[in-house]
C-alpha atoms as a PDB file:
ATOM      1  CA  UNK A   1     -42.198   3.146  -7.290  1.00  0.00           C
ATOM      2  CA  UNK A   2     -42.292   6.492  -6.664  1.00  0.00           C
ATOM      3  CA  UNK A   3     -40.707   8.404 -10.170  1.00  0.00           C
ATOM      4  CA  UNK A   4     -40.063  11.519  -8.454  1.00  0.00           C
ATOM      5  CA  UNK A   5     -37.436  10.179  -6.222  1.00  0.00           C
ATOM      6  CA  UNK A   6     -36.665   7.165  -7.621  1.00  0.00           C
ATOM      7  CA  UNK A   7     -36.914   4.776  -4.724  1.00  0.00           C
ATOM      8  CA  UNK A   8     -38.241   1.185  -5.031  1.00  0.00           C
ATOM      9  CA  UNK A   9     -37.421  -1.856  -6.941  1.00  0.00           C
ATOM     10  CA  UNK A  10     -35.878  -0.460  -9.988  1.00  0.00           C
ATOM     11  CA  UNK A  11     -32.939   1.432 -10.220  1.00  0.00           C
ATOM     12  CA  UNK A  12     -34.063   5.103 -10.016  1.00  0.00           C
ATOM     13  CA  UNK A  13     -32.495   8.472 -10.665  1.00  0.00           C
ATOM     14  CA  UNK A  14     -30.947   8.819  -7.206  1.00  0.00           C
ATOM     15  CA  UNK A  15     -28.721   5.363  -8.119  1.00  0.00           C
ATOM     16  CA  UNK A  16     -27.688   6.655 -11.604  1.00  0.00           C
ATOM     17  CA  UNK A  17     -26.728  10.027 -10.353  1.00  0.00           C
ATOM     18  CA  UNK A  18     -24.397   7.755  -7.692  1.00  0.00           C
ATOM     19  CA  UNK A  19     -22.989   5.760 -10.644  1.00  0.00           C
ATOM     20  CA  UNK A  20     -22.347   8.595 -12.198  1.00  0.00           C
ATOM     21  CA  UNK A  21     -20.464  10.344  -9.417  1.00  0.00           C
ATOM     22  CA  UNK A  22     -18.713   7.535  -8.271  1.00  0.00           C
ATOM     23  CA  UNK A  23     -17.309   6.519 -12.266  1.00  0.00           C
ATOM     24  CA  UNK A  24     -16.678  10.015 -12.935  1.00  0.00           C
ATOM     25  CA  UNK A  25     -14.552  10.661  -9.760  1.00  0.00           C
ATOM     26  CA  UNK A  26     -12.455   7.309 -10.511  1.00  0.00           C
ATOM     27  CA  UNK A  27     -12.285   8.983 -14.124  1.00  0.00           C
ATOM     28  CA  UNK A  28     -10.795  12.238 -12.527  1.00  0.00           C
ATOM     29  CA  UNK A  29      -8.628  10.512 -10.473  1.00  0.00           C
ATOM     30  CA  UNK A  30      -7.033   8.054 -13.289  1.00  0.00           C
ATOM     31  CA  UNK A  31      -6.286  11.095 -15.168  1.00  0.00           C
ATOM     32  CA  UNK A  32      -4.408  13.027 -12.250  1.00  0.00           C
ATOM     33  CA  UNK A  33      -2.549   9.458 -12.081  1.00  0.00           C
ATOM     34  CA  UNK A  34      -1.662   9.586 -15.850  1.00  0.00           C
ATOM     35  CA  UNK A  35      -0.974  13.149 -15.576  1.00  0.00           C
ATOM     36  CA  UNK A  36       1.712  12.615 -13.118  1.00  0.00           C
ATOM     37  CA  UNK A  37       2.753   9.776 -14.781  1.00  0.00           C
ATOM     38  CA  UNK A  38       3.420  11.590 -18.186  1.00  0.00           C
ATOM     39  CA  UNK A  39       5.669  14.155 -15.558  1.00  0.00           C
ATOM     40  CA  UNK A  40       7.537  11.084 -14.419  1.00  0.00           C
ATOM     41  CA  UNK A  41       8.880  10.172 -17.476  1.00  0.00           C
ATOM     42  CA  UNK A  42      11.371  12.885 -17.581  1.00  0.00           C
ATOM     43  CA  UNK A  43      12.941  12.056 -14.756  1.00  0.00           C
ATOM     44  CA  UNK A  44      16.048  10.411 -14.584  1.00  0.00           C
ATOM     45  CA  UNK A  45      15.670   7.738 -12.179  1.00  0.00           C
ATOM     46  CA  UNK A  46      11.812   6.413 -11.919  1.00  0.00           C
ATOM     47  CA  UNK A  47      12.401   3.736  -8.860  1.00  0.00           C
ATOM     48  CA  UNK A  48      12.766   6.028  -6.696  1.00  0.00           C
ATOM     49  CA  UNK A  49      11.283   5.299  -3.099  1.00  0.00           C
ATOM     50  CA  UNK A  50       8.395   8.240  -3.049  1.00  0.00           C
ATOM     51  CA  UNK A  51       7.972   7.286  -6.397  1.00  0.00           C
ATOM     52  CA  UNK A  52       6.635   4.105  -5.786  1.00  0.00           C
ATOM     53  CA  UNK A  53       4.776   4.979  -2.107  1.00  0.00           C
ATOM     54  CA  UNK A  54       3.051   7.532  -4.404  1.00  0.00           C
ATOM     55  CA  UNK A  55       2.051   5.317  -6.604  1.00  0.00           C
ATOM     56  CA  UNK A  56       1.017   2.190  -4.192  1.00  0.00           C
ATOM     57  CA  UNK A  57      -0.918   5.293  -2.089  1.00  0.00           C
ATOM     58  CA  UNK A  58      -2.973   6.895  -5.529  1.00  0.00           C
ATOM     59  CA  UNK A  59      -3.856   3.200  -6.704  1.00  0.00           C
ATOM     60  CA  UNK A  60      -5.334   2.953  -3.130  1.00  0.00           C
ATOM     61  CA  UNK A  61      -6.970   5.730  -3.315  1.00  0.00           C
ATOM     62  CA  UNK A  62      -8.718   5.100  -6.602  1.00  0.00           C
ATOM     63  CA  UNK A  63      -9.763   1.517  -5.385  1.00  0.00           C
ATOM     64  CA  UNK A  64     -11.380   3.246  -2.026  1.00  0.00           C
ATOM     65  CA  UNK A  65     -13.038   5.229  -3.943  1.00  0.00           C
ATOM     66  CA  UNK A  66     -14.477   2.752  -6.334  1.00  0.00           C
ATOM     67  CA  UNK A  67     -15.580   0.909  -3.038  1.00  0.00           C
ATOM     68  CA  UNK A  68     -16.933   4.267  -1.816  1.00  0.00           C
ATOM     69  CA  UNK A  69     -19.042   4.778  -5.256  1.00  0.00           C
ATOM     70  CA  UNK A  70     -20.618   0.855  -4.555  1.00  0.00           C
ATOM     71  CA  UNK A  71     -21.321   1.636  -0.939  1.00  0.00           C
ATOM     72  CA  UNK A  72     -23.512   5.059  -1.763  1.00  0.00           C
ATOM     73  CA  UNK A  73     -24.882   2.656  -5.066  1.00  0.00           C
ATOM     74  CA  UNK A  74     -26.631   0.631  -2.089  1.00  0.00           C
ATOM     75  CA  UNK A  75     -28.788   3.688  -0.752  1.00  0.00           C
ATOM     76  CA  UNK A  76     -27.838   6.873  -1.737  1.00  0.00           C
ATOM     77  CA  UNK A  77     -30.509   8.652   0.193  1.00  0.00           C
ATOM     78  CA  UNK A  78     -29.537   7.111   3.375  1.00  0.00           C
ATOM     79  CA  UNK A  79     -26.947   9.541   5.760  1.00  0.00           C
ATOM     80  CA  UNK A  80     -23.844   8.807   5.393  1.00  0.00           C
ATOM     81  CA  UNK A  81     -22.359   6.033   7.857  1.00  0.00           C
ATOM     82  CA  UNK A  82     -18.747   6.512   8.585  1.00  0.00           C
ATOM     83  CA  UNK A  83     -17.919   3.403   5.778  1.00  0.00           C
ATOM     84  CA  UNK A  84     -19.424   5.682   3.326  1.00  0.00           C
ATOM     85  CA  UNK A  85     -17.878   8.672   4.781  1.00  0.00           C
ATOM     86  CA  UNK A  86     -14.254   7.111   5.065  1.00  0.00           C
ATOM     87  CA  UNK A  87     -14.411   5.515   1.483  1.00  0.00           C
ATOM     88  CA  UNK A  88     -16.020   8.412  -0.358  1.00  0.00           C
ATOM     89  CA  UNK A  89     -13.870  11.103   1.358  1.00  0.00           C
ATOM     90  CA  UNK A  90     -10.629   9.181   2.012  1.00  0.00           C
ATOM     91  CA  UNK A  91     -10.215   7.270  -1.104  1.00  0.00           C
ATOM     92  CA  UNK A  92      -9.792  10.861  -3.190  1.00  0.00           C
ATOM     93  CA  UNK A  93      -7.837  11.818  -0.139  1.00  0.00           C
ATOM     94  CA  UNK A  94      -5.681   8.975  -0.086  1.00  0.00           C
ATOM     95  CA  UNK A  95      -5.343   9.433  -4.159  1.00  0.00           C
ATOM     96  CA  UNK A  96      -4.308  13.232  -3.728  1.00  0.00           C
ATOM     97  CA  UNK A  97      -1.712  11.988  -1.248  1.00  0.00           C
ATOM     98  CA  UNK A  98       0.095   9.913  -3.221  1.00  0.00           C
ATOM     99  CA  UNK A  99       0.004  12.139  -5.936  1.00  0.00           C
ATOM    100  CA  UNK A 100       1.659  15.336  -3.554  1.00  0.00           C
ATOM    101  CA  UNK A 101       4.110  12.379  -2.965  1.00  0.00           C
ATOM    102  CA  UNK A 102       4.881  11.358  -6.441  1.00  0.00           C
ATOM    103  CA  UNK A 103       4.999  15.589  -7.163  1.00  0.00           C
ATOM    104  CA  UNK A 104       7.268  16.429  -3.880  1.00  0.00           C
ATOM    105  CA  UNK A 105       9.813  13.838  -4.824  1.00  0.00           C
ATOM    106  CA  UNK A 106       9.763  14.492  -8.706  1.00  0.00           C
ATOM    107  CA  UNK A 107      10.202  18.524  -8.074  1.00  0.00           C
ATOM    108  CA  UNK A 108      10.879  19.268  -4.922  1.00  0.00           C
ATOM    109  CA  UNK A 109       7.676  21.400  -4.761  1.00  0.00           C
ATOM    110  CA  UNK A 110       4.984  20.739  -2.884  1.00  0.00           C
ATOM    111  CA  UNK A 111       1.665  21.278  -4.338  1.00  0.00           C
ATOM    112  CA  UNK A 112      -0.802  23.481  -2.384  1.00  0.00           C
ATOM    113  CA  UNK A 113      -4.073  22.827  -4.877  1.00  0.00           C
ATOM    114  CA  UNK A 114      -2.899  18.992  -3.612  1.00  0.00           C
ATOM    115  CA  UNK A 115      -3.192  19.967   0.438  1.00  0.00           C
ATOM    116  CA  UNK A 116      -5.858  22.227   0.090  1.00  0.00           C
ATOM    117  CA  UNK A 117      -7.993  19.733  -1.769  1.00  0.00           C
ATOM    118  CA  UNK A 118      -7.103  17.129   0.780  1.00  0.00           C
ATOM    119  CA  UNK A 119      -8.213  19.761   3.970  1.00  0.00           C
ATOM    120  CA  UNK A 120     -11.428  19.972   1.942  1.00  0.00           C
ATOM    121  CA  UNK A 121     -12.110  16.150   1.920  1.00  0.00           C
ATOM    122  CA  UNK A 122     -12.173  16.360   5.673  1.00  0.00           C
ATOM    123  CA  UNK A 123     -14.153  19.127   5.986  1.00  0.00           C
ATOM    124  CA  UNK A 124     -16.400  17.251   3.672  1.00  0.00           C
ATOM    125  CA  UNK A 125     -15.997  13.982   6.156  1.00  0.00           C
ATOM    126  CA  UNK A 126     -16.337  16.034   9.122  1.00  0.00           C
ATOM    127  CA  UNK A 127     -19.702  17.150   7.533  1.00  0.00           C
ATOM    128  CA  UNK A 128     -21.119  13.903   5.756  1.00  0.00           C
ATOM    129  CA  UNK A 129     -22.754  12.524   8.896  1.00  0.00           C
ATOM    130  CA  UNK A 130     -25.248  14.900   8.519  1.00  0.00           C
ATOM    131  CA  UNK A 131     -25.731  14.445   4.717  1.00  0.00           C
ATOM    132  CA  UNK A 132     -26.783  11.916   2.079  1.00  0.00           C
ATOM    133  CA  UNK A 133     -24.380   9.668   0.830  1.00  0.00           C
ATOM    134  CA  UNK A 134     -25.196  11.215  -2.882  1.00  0.00           C
ATOM    135  CA  UNK A 135     -24.642  14.852  -1.542  1.00  0.00           C
ATOM    136  CA  UNK A 136     -21.448  13.587   0.199  1.00  0.00           C
ATOM    137  CA  UNK A 137     -20.559  11.782  -3.183  1.00  0.00           C
ATOM    138  CA  UNK A 138     -21.012  14.981  -4.751  1.00  0.00           C
ATOM    139  CA  UNK A 139     -18.723  17.275  -3.173  1.00  0.00           C
ATOM    140  CA  UNK A 140     -16.257  14.720  -2.823  1.00  0.00           C
ATOM    141  CA  UNK A 141     -16.210  14.938  -7.062  1.00  0.00           C
ATOM    142  CA  UNK A 142     -16.538  18.668  -6.499  1.00  0.00           C
ATOM    143  CA  UNK A 143     -12.856  18.869  -4.652  1.00  0.00           C
ATOM    144  CA  UNK A 144     -11.534  16.484  -7.163  1.00  0.00           C
ATOM    145  CA  UNK A 145     -12.856  18.039 -10.071  1.00  0.00           C
ATOM    146  CA  UNK A 146     -11.392  21.506  -8.990  1.00  0.00           C
ATOM    147  CA  UNK A 147      -7.883  19.844  -9.121  1.00  0.00           C
ATOM    148  CA  UNK A 148      -8.125  18.316 -12.142  1.00  0.00           C
ATOM    149  CA  UNK A 149      -9.405  21.715 -13.463  1.00  0.00           C
ATOM    150  CA  UNK A 150      -5.906  23.544 -11.834  1.00  0.00           C
ATOM    151  CA  UNK A 151      -3.883  20.533 -13.429  1.00  0.00           C
ATOM    152  CA  UNK A 152      -5.275  20.935 -17.105  1.00  0.00           C
ATOM    153  CA  UNK A 153      -4.513  24.544 -16.905  1.00  0.00           C
ATOM    154  CA  UNK A 154      -7.773  26.009 -16.630  1.00  0.00           C
ATOM    155  CA  UNK A 155      -6.847  28.601 -13.897  1.00  0.00           C
ATOM    156  CA  UNK A 156      -3.389  28.272 -11.870  1.00  0.00           C
ATOM    157  CA  UNK A 157      -2.509  26.580  -8.423  1.00  0.00           C
ATOM    158  CA  UNK A 158      -0.135  28.586  -6.633  1.00  0.00           C
ATOM    159  CA  UNK A 159       2.386  25.377  -4.612  1.00  0.00           C
ATOM    160  CA  UNK A 160       4.912  25.796  -2.218  1.00  0.00           C
ATOM    161  CA  UNK A 161       8.853  25.515  -2.953  1.00  0.00           C
ATOM    162  CA  UNK A 162      11.486  24.150  -0.816  1.00  0.00           C
ATOM    163  CA  UNK A 163      14.047  24.744  -3.234  1.00  0.00           C
ATOM    164  CA  UNK A 164      14.473  28.416  -3.101  1.00  0.00           C
END
């Protein structure tokens, strides 16, 4: 086994980094989901169609991101293929789309930060064919982490209102 690259029979440094990035991405997505669920408890009708659709999209996105984590673990240093790109970038994008639907249903406001993050994940997916799977996972995590930091109040993100 090559200790510098972590390649070989054992679970090396790239595999550990891939596992850490995958777990962190899923944890941040669930944090966003639970934060939105807390905001939903103040609403009067939790059985709205948009709320159910948003929840389903968020859960499906987190599950897709978990599959992406497993695919990156298979070979973290290989160039990302369509399945890896679709799950690593598409899972968080789907989860953020669900969060966008839920927030839009609850408040009538479209959070610009979610739209920008989905666009950023689309750009990551477009350049993903030239990147190793581990770098792709790191970029997807960075996008999701920025959204979570903005949602926690570290900095203010703009939103577009339809109720003016």
